[in-house]
Amino acid sequence: MDALLIALESTFVRQRAAGLHAKIELRLAEERFSVTVDDGTLDIARGSLRAPDAVIETEPATLRAVAFGDRKLADARMKIRGDARVARRFLQLFARPRAALEN
């Protein structure tokens, strides 16, 4: 799980998050993470948010596949609650990791 969070942080594209102010809760298997995107910055911490704009519930491998462009959101087993527009934009804030491109 930590590897996924590090991958999200290291592939975050600040320019894609310009103007976005959102709080997202990730529910990955049994773990909860709070994500704050604030106009080009990203903060991920363990724990739930009190009033998230969106909640994304899925398995870690599914989040990885969607965030890095290996699977379309429409084809993914992912539950989104709250503002679906915010959730979709969040999932587009990441670049494909280099290691994946080299294999």
Foldseek 3Di string as FASTA:
>chain_A
DVVLVVQQQVFFDLVLLAPPFFWEWECAPPWIWIWTRDRRDIDIDTDDDPDGQKYKYDHSVQLLCQLAVVDPPVPTPIDMDHDVVSVNSSSPRGYHDPVVVVD
